[in-house]
Amino acid sequence: QLKGNVVLVVNVASKCGFTPQYTGLEALYKKYKDRGLVILGFPCNQFAGQEPGTDEEIVEFCQINHGVSFPLMKKSDVNGDNANEVYKYLKNQKSGLLGLTRIKWNFEKFLIDRQGNVVGRWASTTAPESLASEIKKHL
């Protein structure tokens, strides 16, 4: 289903200082979805318990407060033995700062090109809007 698309994967949380990034992510999605961008949000409660809700509560919060229309996956872990398989793959393909693979906080971002290659990884502090030029290169 994702084959041939450019995919931005983000671990998300509803009660984080970076939660307002949902708005920027949605803006990217609206602007580029017709050109092949897919954004996938992966709710995760591993960082200071900042995603305590059920899957349904998370979707409702995101739609009401941030107008999110991109897909949100089921809540899962991104680090440790129970980490989501997607995150095991992404971290193995693209390490972070100083070669560390673990996800350090909510709203870390991975970009996957149309061929399935992980072409970028950004920290939580990176605003979604700042990724537009990198995304456009792969569309």
Protein backbone atom coordinates (compact mmCIF):
# COMPACT_ATOMS: atom_id res chain seq x y z
CA GLN A 1 0.00 0.00 0.00
CA LEU A 2 2.91 2.37 0.72
CA LYS A 3 5.07 1.17 -2.15
CA GLY A 4 5.95 3.96 -4.53
CA ASN A 5 5.15 6.70 -2.01
CA VAL A 6 7.40 8.97 0.01
CA VAL A 7 6.67 8.25 3.68
CA LEU A 8 7.31 10.38 6.76
CA VAL A 9 7.13 8.30 9.95
CA VAL A 10 6.76 10.10 13.28
CA ASN A 11 6.36 8.79 16.83
CA VAL A 12 3.70 11.01 18.35
CA ALA A 13 2.20 11.88 21.75
CA SER A 14 -0.78 13.98 22.81
CA LYS A 15 0.64 15.48 26.01
CA CYS A 16 4.12 16.52 24.89
CA GLY A 17 5.68 19.93 24.45
CA PHE A 18 6.11 18.98 20.78
CA THR A 19 2.42 18.03 20.33
CA PRO A 20 1.76 21.28 18.39
CA GLN A 21 3.90 19.74 15.62
CA TYR A 22 0.75 17.83 14.62
CA THR A 23 -0.39 21.05 12.94
CA GLY A 24 2.80 21.30 10.88
CA LEU A 25 2.64 17.62 9.97
CA GLU A 26 -0.96 18.01 8.81
CA ALA A 27 0.03 21.05 6.70
CA LEU A 28 2.77 18.99 4.99
CA TYR A 29 0.33 16.15 4.43
CA LYS A 30 -2.32 18.39 2.86
CA LYS A 31 0.24 20.12 0.65
CA TYR A 32 2.00 17.01 -0.69
CA LYS A 33 -0.34 14.02 -0.31
CA ASP A 34 -1.54 14.34 -3.92
CA ARG A 35 2.10 14.12 -5.05
CA GLY A 36 2.69 10.88 -3.15
CA LEU A 37 3.52 11.86 0.44
CA VAL A 38 2.16 9.65 3.19
CA ILE A 39 2.60 10.60 6.84
CA LEU A 40 2.22 7.87 9.45
CA GLY A 41 1.88 8.78 13.12
CA PHE A 42 2.87 6.11 15.62
CA PRO A 43 1.49 6.97 19.08
CA CYS A 44 3.89 5.93 21.83
CA ASN A 45 3.67 6.16 25.62
CA GLN A 46 7.35 5.39 26.34
CA PHE A 47 8.44 8.97 27.01
CA ALA A 48 7.21 10.31 30.36
CA GLY A 49 3.81 8.67 29.83
CA GLN A 50 2.79 11.43 27.42
CA GLU A 51 0.43 9.27 25.34
CA PRO A 52 -1.86 7.66 27.95
CA GLY A 53 -5.06 7.43 25.89
CA THR A 54 -6.61 4.56 23.98
CA ASP A 55 -6.17 4.39 20.21
CA GLU A 56 -9.67 5.85 19.79
CA GLU A 57 -9.02 8.70 22.24
CA ILE A 58 -5.76 9.55 20.47
CA VAL A 59 -7.43 9.76 17.05
CA GLU A 60 -10.25 11.89 18.45
CA PHE A 61 -7.80 14.26 20.19
CA CYS A 62 -5.75 14.68 17.01
CA GLN A 63 -8.76 15.33 14.80
CA ILE A 64 -10.44 17.79 17.17
CA ASN A 65 -7.36 19.73 18.28
CA HIS A 66 -5.10 19.60 15.22
CA GLY A 67 -7.33 18.60 12.29
CA VAL A 68 -5.19 15.52 11.68
CA SER A 69 -6.28 13.53 8.63
CA PHE A 70 -3.12 11.46 8.08
CA PRO A 71 -3.15 7.87 9.39
CA LEU A 72 -2.42 7.15 13.04
CA MET A 73 -1.29 3.62 13.83
CA LYS A 74 -2.08 1.64 16.97
CA LYS A 75 -0.15 2.76 20.05
CA SER A 76 3.12 0.85 20.33
CA ASP A 77 6.66 1.00 21.69
CA VAL A 78 9.50 2.42 19.60
CA ASN A 79 12.38 1.22 21.81
CA GLY A 80 13.15 -2.01 23.64
CA ASP A 81 12.23 -5.65 23.15
CA ASN A 82 8.59 -4.84 22.37
CA ALA A 83 9.36 -2.12 19.82
CA ASN A 84 7.16 -1.96 16.75
CA GLU A 85 8.78 -3.81 13.80
CA VAL A 86 8.64 -0.63 11.70
CA TYR A 87 10.79 1.16 14.28
CA LYS A 88 13.23 -1.73 14.59
CA TYR A 89 13.76 -1.47 10.83
CA LEU A 90 13.98 2.34 10.70
CA LYS A 91 16.48 2.58 13.55
CA ASN A 92 18.63 -0.13 11.98
CA GLN A 93 18.65 1.74 8.65
CA LYS A 94 19.37 5.24 9.96
CA SER A 95 21.08 5.89 13.27
CA GLY A 96 20.76 9.16 15.11
CA LEU A 97 23.28 11.49 16.71
CA LEU A 98 26.62 9.85 17.54
CA GLY A 99 25.46 6.62 15.90
CA LEU A 100 22.85 5.91 18.55
CA THR A 101 19.85 4.00 17.28
CA ARG A 102 17.29 4.45 20.06
CA ILE A 103 14.52 6.98 19.71
CA LYS A 104 15.24 9.75 22.21
CA TRP A 105 11.83 11.46 22.49
CA ASN A 106 8.42 11.99 20.92
CA PHE A 107 8.16 13.45 17.41
CA GLU A 108 11.38 12.02 16.00
CA LYS A 109 11.01 11.81 12.22
CA PHE A 110 12.12 9.38 9.50
CA LEU A 111 11.78 9.94 5.75
CA ILE A 112 11.52 6.99 3.37
CA ASP A 113 11.85 7.46 -0.39
CA ARG A 114 9.75 5.82 -3.11
CA GLN A 115 12.18 2.89 -3.29
CA GLY A 116 11.87 2.15 0.43
CA ASN A 117 15.23 3.66 1.47
CA VAL A 118 15.43 5.55 4.75
CA VAL A 119 16.86 8.86 3.53
CA GLY A 120 16.52 11.06 6.60
CA ARG A 121 16.14 11.11 10.35
CA TRP A 122 15.46 14.21 12.42
CA ALA A 123 15.22 14.99 16.12
CA SER A 124 12.07 16.05 17.93
CA THR A 125 13.19 19.67 17.81
CA THR A 126 13.04 19.73 14.00
CA ALA A 127 9.88 21.53 12.91
CA PRO A 128 7.86 19.62 10.30
CA GLU A 129 7.75 22.70 8.05
CA SER A 130 11.54 22.66 7.77
CA LEU A 131 11.38 19.23 6.07
CA ALA A 132 9.45 20.50 3.04
CA SER A 133 12.49 20.92 0.78
CA GLU A 134 13.81 17.46 1.66
CA ILE A 135 10.40 15.90 1.04
CA LYS A 136 10.05 17.69 -2.32
CA LYS A 137 13.39 16.25 -3.47
CA HIS A 138 11.92 12.76 -3.23
CA LEU A 139 8.45 13.39 -4.64
